[in-house]
Amino acid sequence: MADTPLPQLVDQLFRHRYGELVAALVKALGPDRLELAEDVVQEALLRALRTWPASGVPERPDAWVFRVARNLAFDALRQRKVALRVERELQHDFGDATTAPIEPREGPTDDTLRMMFLCAHPDVPPESRVPLMLKTVAGFGTSEIAAALLQKEGTIAQRLTRAKARLQTGSAQFAMPSDAELLARLPLVLDVLYLLFNEGYRSHRGRDLVQQELVEEAVRLCALLLDEPLTARPEVHALLALMLFLGARLPARVDAAGELLTLCEQDRSRWDRQWLGCALHHFRASIGGDALTAWHSEAAIASFHAAAPTYERTDWRAVLREYDRLLALQPQPVIALNRAVAFAKVHGAEPALRELEALARDEALADYFLLPTTIAHLHWQLGQHEDAARGLERALTMPSTEPEQRVLQRRLDACRRGEPAPRW
């Protein structure tokens, strides 16, 4: 850590520990002071950027940030005569934060999981629960949340404001809910764990396509749910299997220069065999339930890709059948778009283009660059280079990461030169 450039170090602290720091403060301050907890953690990180260049990076940067955030919270609360109680609770939980690092709690008492279940509290408006989790647990900004949920930034900002206002006036407590309420909130928590994983697996913006720490945190939290008998359910096994199947590909997902490699370009010998083995174990464990969920279908699709020795030998008919089942369970436009790729593999580009006509009018995908990219590739396969180039040009105007933009630009250049469509 000592050799890490300062801005990168602070960014890592934000990505790795933001949710844990906020959760620890909310536990002591109460859910009605969520906004204060977020503010002081962010201010502490800004102070690190200002202070450490002169004083040097402390031996335990996370403990330093927590201590500063805690003191800022004390200053804000002192006039309200609650700082003494808060200090006793924090001291009991963390001891001397100036010398002890913040360690994640194990088991169902993990503070980050508690924070997620708190964000799913009935006091929080339903449409605000997922954005609130992504903001407080993962430290996502409004633009990242909007991109992940295919929503407008203004809409997300309003939902976050409403959620915090409801927590300030409601009855929510920082504690695991009753068994019945916990199970009622579990599906939403699983949704957010996958969004957290997906942002790490394929970031929506920025220089880096992959954020390994987000992938690992999502896997860690999902595994913690399996440690608790009440939440060790088939759908949780299925979600963990899905994340492990996909996460196993990360070593092969970018080349030595950091450029994106698509599934057909990846060296499958570089896939993480340990993660694949764990994925298969959890996939088998997921089959024992009495209900088929979307996580089961998603994990099944990922398992077909994992089982194929080469891209060309993928069982696309099986993939398409599972996408049909998934779309019936969860009729969402992104799933329909992914299904269209499998449909094209089975039935050809021209029928797939007809399948995509309705999606091209779906407002939820208006800024989703993979829609015009997919349409462009289908035109390219049919030798329709002008239509393909227009689609790639449109995709380049939409939000995506820098590695994805470079791939799009290379393909646009190749298309304009009249080259054959690449493998896809």
Protein backbone atom coordinates (compact mmCIF):
# COMPACT_ATOMS: atom_id res chain seq x y z
CA MET A 1 0.00 0.00 0.00
CA ALA A 2 2.93 2.29 0.72
CA ASP A 3 3.96 2.28 -2.95
CA THR A 4 0.44 3.12 -4.18
CA PRO A 5 0.05 6.71 -5.51
CA LEU A 6 -1.93 8.82 -3.05
CA PRO A 7 -5.02 9.57 -5.20
CA GLN A 8 -5.24 5.88 -6.12
CA LEU A 9 -4.87 4.88 -2.46
CA VAL A 10 -7.72 7.14 -1.38
CA ASP A 11 -9.84 5.87 -4.27
CA GLN A 12 -9.15 2.29 -3.15
CA LEU A 13 -10.21 3.18 0.38
CA PHE A 14 -13.41 4.68 -1.01
CA ARG A 15 -14.16 1.62 -3.11
CA HIS A 16 -13.10 -0.97 -0.52
CA ARG A 17 -14.21 0.54 2.75
CA TYR A 18 -16.81 3.27 2.12
CA GLY A 19 -19.81 1.04 2.80
CA GLU A 20 -18.20 -0.49 5.87
CA LEU A 21 -17.29 2.91 7.33
CA VAL A 22 -20.78 4.31 6.72
CA ALA A 23 -22.40 1.19 8.16
CA ALA A 24 -20.26 1.38 11.31
CA LEU A 25 -21.23 5.00 11.90
CA VAL A 26 -24.93 4.41 11.15
CA LYS A 27 -24.91 1.55 13.64
CA ALA A 28 -23.92 4.01 16.37
CA LEU A 29 -25.59 7.19 15.12
CA GLY A 30 -28.87 5.60 14.05
CA PRO A 31 -30.49 5.33 10.60
CA ASP A 32 -31.93 8.83 10.96
CA ARG A 33 -28.36 10.17 10.70
CA LEU A 34 -27.40 8.29 7.54
CA GLU A 35 -26.70 11.52 5.67
CA LEU A 36 -24.36 12.71 8.44
CA ALA A 37 -22.47 9.40 8.32
CA GLU A 38 -22.00 9.70 4.55
CA ASP A 39 -20.91 13.32 4.82
CA VAL A 40 -18.26 12.72 7.47
CA VAL A 41 -16.78 9.71 5.66
CA GLN A 42 -16.51 11.70 2.45
CA GLU A 43 -14.98 14.65 4.32
CA ALA A 44 -12.47 12.35 6.02
CA LEU A 45 -11.36 11.01 2.64
CA LEU A 46 -10.97 14.57 1.32
CA ARG A 47 -8.88 15.44 4.37
CA ALA A 48 -6.68 12.44 3.63
CA LEU A 49 -5.98 13.88 0.17
CA ARG A 50 -5.08 17.24 1.72
CA THR A 51 -3.13 15.99 4.74
CA TRP A 52 -1.17 12.93 3.69
CA PRO A 53 1.05 14.63 1.05
CA ALA A 54 2.62 16.66 3.88
CA SER A 55 2.38 14.29 6.86
CA GLY A 56 2.80 10.98 5.04
CA VAL A 57 0.41 8.08 4.68
CA PRO A 58 -0.38 6.55 8.10
CA GLU A 59 0.44 2.91 8.74
CA ARG A 60 -3.25 2.02 8.76
CA PRO A 61 -5.00 4.42 6.39
CA ASP A 62 -8.47 2.95 6.92
CA ALA A 63 -8.22 3.43 10.71
CA TRP A 64 -7.10 7.04 10.18
CA VAL A 65 -10.10 7.75 7.96
CA PHE A 66 -12.46 6.14 10.46
CA ARG A 67 -11.01 8.14 13.35
CA VAL A 68 -11.37 11.43 11.46
CA ALA A 69 -14.92 10.58 10.36
CA ARG A 70 -15.83 9.60 13.92
CA ASN A 71 -14.46 12.87 15.31
CA LEU A 72 -16.30 14.88 12.69
CA ALA A 73 -19.51 13.12 13.70
CA PHE A 74 -18.80 13.90 17.38
CA ASP A 75 -18.33 17.57 16.54
CA ALA A 76 -21.64 17.64 14.71
CA LEU A 77 -23.51 15.87 17.50
CA ARG A 78 -21.92 17.36 20.59
CA GLN A 79 -24.48 20.13 20.87
CA ARG A 80 -27.24 17.54 20.71
CA LYS A 81 -25.90 15.78 23.83
CA VAL A 82 -25.62 12.39 22.21
CA ALA A 83 -21.89 12.24 21.49
CA LEU A 84 -21.07 10.48 24.77
CA ARG A 85 -23.44 7.58 24.07
CA VAL A 86 -22.19 7.30 20.49
CA GLU A 87 -18.55 7.37 21.59
CA ARG A 88 -19.13 4.55 24.08
CA GLU A 89 -20.78 2.42 21.39
CA LEU A 90 -18.03 3.05 18.86
CA GLN A 91 -15.34 2.41 21.47
CA HIS A 92 -17.02 -0.89 22.35
CA ASP A 93 -17.17 -1.96 18.72
CA PHE A 94 -13.81 -0.73 17.43
CA GLY A 95 -11.57 0.00 20.40
CA ASP A 96 -8.83 2.52 19.63
CA ALA A 97 -9.33 3.32 15.95
CA THR A 98 -6.00 5.13 15.81
CA THR A 99 -4.11 1.84 16.14
CA ALA A 100 -6.54 -0.92 15.18
CA PRO A 101 -7.57 -1.52 11.55
CA ILE A 102 -11.23 -1.90 10.69
CA GLU A 103 -11.89 -5.57 10.12
CA PRO A 104 -15.07 -6.85 8.44
CA ARG A 105 -17.42 -8.71 10.74
CA GLU A 106 -18.10 -12.34 9.93
CA GLY A 107 -21.43 -14.11 9.94
CA PRO A 108 -24.94 -12.70 9.82
CA THR A 109 -23.97 -9.77 12.09
CA ASP A 110 -21.82 -8.26 9.32
CA ASP A 111 -22.49 -4.52 9.41
CA THR A 112 -22.56 -4.17 5.63
CA LEU A 113 -25.32 -6.77 5.37
CA ARG A 114 -27.19 -5.05 8.20
CA MET A 115 -26.95 -1.82 6.23
CA MET A 116 -28.38 -3.49 3.13
CA PHE A 117 -31.35 -4.91 5.02
CA LEU A 118 -31.88 -1.49 6.64
CA CYS A 119 -32.04 0.12 3.17
CA ALA A 120 -34.78 -2.39 2.28
CA HIS A 121 -36.86 -1.30 5.31
CA PRO A 122 -40.58 -0.69 4.61
CA ASP A 123 -40.11 2.95 5.68
CA VAL A 124 -38.00 3.48 2.55
CA PRO A 125 -40.09 3.99 -0.63
CA PRO A 126 -39.85 0.84 -2.81
CA GLU A 127 -38.35 2.66 -5.79
CA SER A 128 -35.65 4.19 -3.55
CA ARG A 129 -34.37 1.03 -1.88
CA VAL A 130 -31.98 -0.18 -4.57
CA PRO A 131 -30.45 3.29 -5.20
CA LEU A 132 -30.03 3.78 -1.44
CA MET A 133 -28.19 0.46 -1.09
CA LEU A 134 -25.88 1.25 -3.99
CA LYS A 135 -25.15 4.70 -2.54
CA THR A 136 -24.52 3.69 1.07
CA VAL A 137 -23.04 0.21 0.70
CA ALA A 138 -20.99 0.57 -2.49
CA GLY A 139 -20.38 4.32 -2.50
CA PHE A 140 -21.80 4.65 -6.01
CA GLY A 141 -22.35 8.16 -7.28
CA THR A 142 -25.66 9.27 -8.72
CA SER A 143 -24.42 8.86 -12.30
CA GLU A 144 -23.17 5.31 -11.61
CA ILE A 145 -26.48 4.33 -10.04
CA ALA A 146 -28.39 5.82 -12.97
CA ALA A 147 -26.23 3.88 -15.45
CA ALA A 148 -26.60 0.63 -13.51
CA LEU A 149 -30.38 0.99 -13.31
CA LEU A 150 -30.90 2.52 -16.77
CA GLN A 151 -32.50 5.60 -15.19
CA LYS A 152 -31.98 9.35 -15.46
CA GLU A 153 -29.65 10.99 -12.91
CA GLY A 154 -32.33 13.43 -11.79
CA THR A 155 -34.70 10.55 -11.05
CA ILE A 156 -32.07 8.78 -8.93
CA ALA A 157 -31.22 11.98 -7.04
CA GLN A 158 -34.88 12.48 -6.12
CA ARG A 159 -35.22 8.88 -4.95
CA LEU A 160 -32.16 9.16 -2.72
CA THR A 161 -33.48 12.37 -1.18
CA ARG A 162 -36.86 10.76 -0.45
CA ALA A 163 -35.21 7.67 1.06
CA LYS A 164 -33.07 9.65 3.48
CA ALA A 165 -36.01 11.82 4.48
CA ARG A 166 -38.08 8.73 5.29
CA LEU A 167 -35.28 7.20 7.36
CA GLN A 168 -35.02 10.42 9.38
CA THR A 169 -38.70 10.34 10.30
CA GLY A 170 -39.41 6.60 10.31
CA SER A 171 -38.96 3.74 12.77
CA ALA A 172 -36.08 1.88 11.11
CA GLN A 173 -33.41 0.41 13.40
CA PHE A 174 -29.87 -0.68 12.58
CA ALA A 175 -30.50 -4.37 13.27
CA MET A 176 -31.27 -7.53 11.40
CA PRO A 177 -35.06 -7.73 10.93
CA SER A 178 -37.32 -10.51 12.15
CA ASP A 179 -37.17 -13.80 10.26
CA ALA A 180 -40.29 -13.08 8.23
CA GLU A 181 -39.23 -9.53 7.38
CA LEU A 182 -35.69 -10.65 6.55
CA LEU A 183 -36.99 -13.14 4.01
CA ALA A 184 -39.29 -10.48 2.55
CA ARG A 185 -36.32 -8.15 2.05
CA LEU A 186 -33.91 -10.83 0.82
CA PRO A 187 -34.82 -10.67 -2.92
CA LEU A 188 -33.95 -6.97 -3.02
CA VAL A 189 -30.65 -7.57 -1.24
CA LEU A 190 -29.79 -10.25 -3.80
CA ASP A 191 -30.61 -7.84 -6.64
CA VAL A 192 -28.23 -5.25 -5.21
CA LEU A 193 -25.47 -7.80 -4.61
CA TYR A 194 -25.62 -8.65 -8.30
CA LEU A 195 -25.60 -4.98 -9.30
CA LEU A 196 -22.54 -4.52 -7.08
CA PHE A 197 -20.90 -7.54 -8.71
CA ASN A 198 -21.82 -6.38 -12.20
CA GLU A 199 -20.35 -2.92 -11.67
CA GLY A 200 -17.09 -4.61 -10.73
CA TYR A 201 -17.28 -7.09 -13.60
CA ARG A 202 -18.12 -4.42 -16.19
CA SER A 203 -17.91 -0.86 -14.98
CA HIS A 204 -20.27 1.57 -16.65
CA ARG A 205 -17.79 4.45 -16.88
CA GLY A 206 -14.12 5.30 -16.51
CA ARG A 207 -10.71 3.98 -17.49
CA ASP A 208 -10.98 0.50 -15.98
CA LEU A 209 -13.32 -2.14 -17.31
CA VAL A 210 -12.94 -4.33 -14.20
CA GLN A 211 -12.99 -3.42 -10.51
CA GLN A 212 -11.89 -6.63 -8.83
CA GLU A 213 -12.62 -5.38 -5.31
CA LEU A 214 -16.33 -4.91 -6.07
CA VAL A 215 -16.54 -8.43 -7.49
CA GLU A 216 -14.88 -9.88 -4.40
CA GLU A 217 -17.06 -7.87 -2.00
CA ALA A 218 -20.26 -9.03 -3.70
CA VAL A 219 -19.07 -12.63 -3.51
CA ARG A 220 -18.10 -12.19 0.16
CA LEU A 221 -21.47 -10.78 1.15
CA CYS A 222 -23.39 -13.45 -0.76
CA ALA A 223 -21.30 -16.16 0.91
CA LEU A 224 -22.10 -14.62 4.31
CA LEU A 225 -25.81 -15.04 3.58
CA LEU A 226 -25.17 -18.75 3.12
CA ASP A 227 -23.64 -18.91 6.62
CA GLU A 228 -27.04 -18.10 8.12
CA PRO A 229 -29.52 -21.02 8.04
CA LEU A 230 -32.48 -18.76 7.32
CA THR A 231 -30.88 -17.20 4.23
CA ALA A 232 -28.98 -20.29 3.01
CA ARG A 233 -31.62 -20.72 0.35
CA PRO A 234 -31.41 -22.21 -3.18
CA GLU A 235 -31.68 -18.79 -4.86
CA VAL A 236 -28.71 -17.51 -2.81
CA HIS A 237 -26.66 -20.53 -3.93
CA ALA A 238 -27.75 -19.78 -7.51
CA LEU A 239 -26.67 -16.14 -7.30
CA LEU A 240 -23.31 -17.08 -5.81
CA ALA A 241 -22.84 -19.70 -8.54
CA LEU A 242 -23.59 -17.06 -11.20
CA MET A 243 -21.09 -14.59 -9.75
CA LEU A 244 -18.40 -17.27 -9.45
CA PHE A 245 -18.97 -18.56 -13.01
CA LEU A 246 -18.61 -15.02 -14.36
CA GLY A 247 -15.86 -13.96 -11.96
CA ALA A 248 -13.76 -16.95 -13.05
CA ARG A 249 -13.38 -15.26 -16.43
CA LEU A 250 -11.72 -12.12 -15.05
CA PRO A 251 -8.09 -13.25 -15.53
CA ALA A 252 -8.82 -13.61 -19.27
CA ARG A 253 -11.11 -10.63 -19.70
CA VAL A 254 -8.42 -8.08 -20.59
CA ASP A 255 -5.12 -8.52 -22.41
CA ALA A 256 -1.66 -7.49 -21.22
CA ALA A 257 -2.30 -3.91 -22.38
CA GLY A 258 -5.59 -3.69 -20.49
CA GLU A 259 -7.69 -3.98 -23.64
CA LEU A 260 -11.07 -5.70 -23.49
CA LEU A 261 -11.31 -9.28 -24.74
CA THR A 262 -14.80 -10.48 -25.63
CA LEU A 263 -15.97 -13.95 -24.67
CA CYS A 264 -15.05 -15.39 -28.06
CA GLU A 265 -11.52 -13.91 -27.80
CA GLN A 266 -10.70 -15.10 -24.28
CA ASP A 267 -8.12 -17.80 -23.54
CA ARG A 268 -10.24 -20.22 -21.53
CA SER A 269 -7.17 -21.87 -20.04
CA ARG A 270 -6.76 -18.66 -18.02
CA TRP A 271 -10.19 -18.92 -16.39
CA ASP A 272 -9.91 -19.44 -12.64
CA ARG A 273 -10.45 -23.17 -12.07
CA GLN A 274 -10.96 -22.76 -8.33
CA TRP A 275 -13.78 -20.29 -8.87
CA LEU A 276 -15.31 -22.55 -11.51
CA GLY A 277 -15.22 -25.49 -9.11
CA CYS A 278 -16.88 -23.44 -6.37
CA ALA A 279 -19.46 -22.20 -8.88
CA LEU A 280 -20.35 -25.75 -9.84
CA HIS A 281 -20.70 -26.71 -6.17
CA HIS A 282 -23.13 -23.86 -5.48
CA PHE A 283 -25.00 -24.47 -8.74
CA ARG A 284 -25.64 -28.06 -7.66
CA ALA A 285 -26.74 -26.82 -4.22
CA SER A 286 -29.22 -24.44 -5.87
CA ILE A 287 -31.11 -27.21 -7.62
CA GLY A 288 -32.69 -28.53 -4.44
CA GLY A 289 -35.31 -25.82 -4.09
CA ASP A 290 -39.00 -25.99 -4.92
CA ALA A 291 -39.03 -22.78 -7.01
CA LEU A 292 -37.16 -21.72 -10.12
CA THR A 293 -35.84 -18.16 -9.90
CA ALA A 294 -34.15 -15.87 -12.37
CA TRP A 295 -30.86 -16.55 -10.56
CA HIS A 296 -31.19 -20.24 -11.44
CA SER A 297 -31.63 -19.42 -15.13
CA GLU A 298 -28.78 -16.91 -15.15
CA ALA A 299 -26.48 -19.43 -13.43
CA ALA A 300 -27.52 -22.13 -15.91
CA ILE A 301 -26.62 -19.87 -18.86
CA ALA A 302 -23.23 -19.12 -17.29
CA SER A 303 -22.69 -22.85 -16.69
CA PHE A 304 -23.21 -23.62 -20.40
CA HIS A 305 -20.45 -21.15 -21.28
CA ALA A 306 -18.19 -22.59 -18.57
CA ALA A 307 -18.75 -26.15 -19.82
CA ALA A 308 -17.91 -25.36 -23.46
CA PRO A 309 -14.25 -26.21 -24.22
CA THR A 310 -14.21 -23.52 -26.93
CA TYR A 311 -16.45 -20.65 -27.92
CA GLU A 312 -17.43 -22.43 -31.13
CA ARG A 313 -18.63 -25.49 -29.20
CA THR A 314 -21.03 -23.53 -26.99
CA ASP A 315 -24.46 -25.15 -26.85
CA TRP A 316 -26.32 -22.10 -28.13
CA ARG A 317 -29.65 -23.92 -28.38
CA ALA A 318 -29.47 -24.72 -24.67
CA VAL A 319 -28.48 -21.12 -23.96
CA LEU A 320 -31.45 -19.86 -25.98
CA ARG A 321 -33.87 -22.20 -24.19
CA GLU A 322 -32.65 -20.90 -20.85
CA TYR A 323 -32.97 -17.28 -22.01
CA ASP A 324 -36.58 -18.01 -23.01
CA ARG A 325 -37.21 -19.29 -19.49
CA LEU A 326 -35.40 -16.33 -17.95
CA LEU A 327 -37.33 -13.79 -20.02
CA ALA A 328 -40.61 -15.38 -18.88
CA LEU A 329 -39.47 -15.06 -15.26
CA GLN A 330 -38.05 -11.56 -15.63
CA PRO A 331 -39.27 -9.68 -18.74
CA GLN A 332 -36.61 -6.97 -18.83
CA PRO A 333 -35.17 -5.25 -21.91
CA VAL A 334 -31.52 -6.08 -21.12
CA ILE A 335 -32.41 -9.76 -20.84
CA ALA A 336 -34.27 -9.56 -24.16
CA LEU A 337 -31.17 -8.01 -25.72
CA ASN A 338 -28.91 -10.77 -24.40
CA ARG A 339 -31.40 -13.36 -25.62
CA ALA A 340 -31.23 -11.83 -29.10
CA VAL A 341 -27.52 -12.69 -29.26
CA ALA A 342 -28.26 -16.36 -28.52
CA PHE A 343 -31.19 -16.21 -30.98
CA ALA A 344 -28.84 -14.95 -33.70
CA LYS A 345 -26.43 -17.81 -33.01
CA VAL A 346 -29.23 -20.34 -33.50
CA HIS A 347 -31.42 -18.75 -36.18
CA GLY A 348 -29.17 -16.24 -37.95
CA ALA A 349 -28.68 -12.48 -38.11
CA GLU A 350 -31.72 -11.48 -40.15
CA PRO A 351 -34.36 -13.03 -37.87
CA ALA A 352 -32.49 -11.62 -34.87
CA LEU A 353 -32.69 -8.11 -36.31
CA ARG A 354 -36.45 -8.47 -36.52
CA GLU A 355 -36.46 -9.56 -32.87
CA LEU A 356 -34.60 -6.36 -31.95
CA GLU A 357 -36.96 -3.95 -33.72
CA ALA A 358 -39.17 -3.50 -30.64
CA LEU A 359 -36.18 -3.13 -28.31
CA ALA A 360 -34.81 -0.30 -30.44
CA ARG A 361 -37.88 1.73 -29.39
CA ASP A 362 -37.57 0.92 -25.67
CA GLU A 363 -36.71 4.08 -23.71
CA ALA A 364 -34.96 2.05 -21.01
CA LEU A 365 -32.24 1.21 -23.55
CA ALA A 366 -32.01 4.68 -25.07
CA ASP A 367 -28.47 5.22 -23.72
CA TYR A 368 -27.37 1.58 -23.55
CA PHE A 369 -24.49 1.25 -26.01
CA LEU A 370 -24.76 -2.53 -26.32
CA LEU A 371 -28.09 -2.24 -28.16
CA PRO A 372 -26.76 -0.33 -31.22
CA THR A 373 -23.55 -2.39 -30.98
CA THR A 374 -25.51 -5.64 -31.24
CA ILE A 375 -27.64 -4.33 -34.11
CA ALA A 376 -24.49 -3.12 -35.87
CA HIS A 377 -22.82 -6.54 -35.64
CA LEU A 378 -25.87 -8.25 -37.08
CA HIS A 379 -25.88 -5.86 -40.05
CA TRP A 380 -22.15 -6.42 -40.43
CA GLN A 381 -22.63 -10.19 -40.57
CA LEU A 382 -25.13 -9.64 -43.38
CA GLY A 383 -22.56 -7.54 -45.28
CA GLN A 384 -24.49 -4.31 -44.67
CA HIS A 385 -21.46 -2.20 -43.81
CA GLU A 386 -23.12 1.22 -43.96
CA ASP A 387 -25.86 0.22 -41.53
CA ALA A 388 -23.28 -1.41 -39.29
CA ALA A 389 -21.08 1.69 -39.28
CA ARG A 390 -24.02 3.91 -38.33
CA GLY A 391 -24.81 1.63 -35.41
CA LEU A 392 -21.22 1.67 -34.16
CA GLU A 393 -21.06 5.44 -34.53
CA ARG A 394 -24.20 5.75 -32.41
CA ALA A 395 -22.80 3.38 -29.80
CA LEU A 396 -19.71 5.57 -29.47
CA THR A 397 -21.88 8.52 -28.42
CA MET A 398 -23.28 6.60 -25.43
CA PRO A 399 -21.79 6.13 -21.95
CA SER A 400 -19.22 3.31 -21.74
CA THR A 401 -15.75 2.68 -20.35
CA GLU A 402 -12.61 3.77 -22.16
CA PRO A 403 -11.61 0.16 -23.03
CA GLU A 404 -15.06 -0.42 -24.52
CA GLN A 405 -14.82 2.80 -26.53
CA ARG A 406 -11.47 1.71 -27.95
CA VAL A 407 -12.94 -1.62 -29.05
CA LEU A 408 -15.88 0.15 -30.69
CA GLN A 409 -13.56 2.54 -32.51
CA ARG A 410 -11.38 -0.30 -33.81
CA ARG A 411 -14.42 -2.14 -35.08
CA LEU A 412 -15.85 0.99 -36.66
CA ASP A 413 -12.57 1.55 -38.52
CA ALA A 414 -12.57 -2.07 -39.71
CA CYS A 415 -16.19 -1.82 -40.80
CA ARG A 416 -15.53 1.35 -42.78
CA ARG A 417 -12.68 -0.44 -44.55
CA GLY A 418 -15.15 -3.10 -45.65
CA GLU A 419 -13.55 -5.91 -43.66
CA PRO A 420 -15.59 -9.03 -42.82
CA ALA A 421 -17.43 -9.03 -39.50
CA PRO A 422 -15.25 -10.29 -36.63
CA ARG A 423 -16.12 -13.31 -34.52
CA TRP A 424 -18.91 -12.35 -32.08
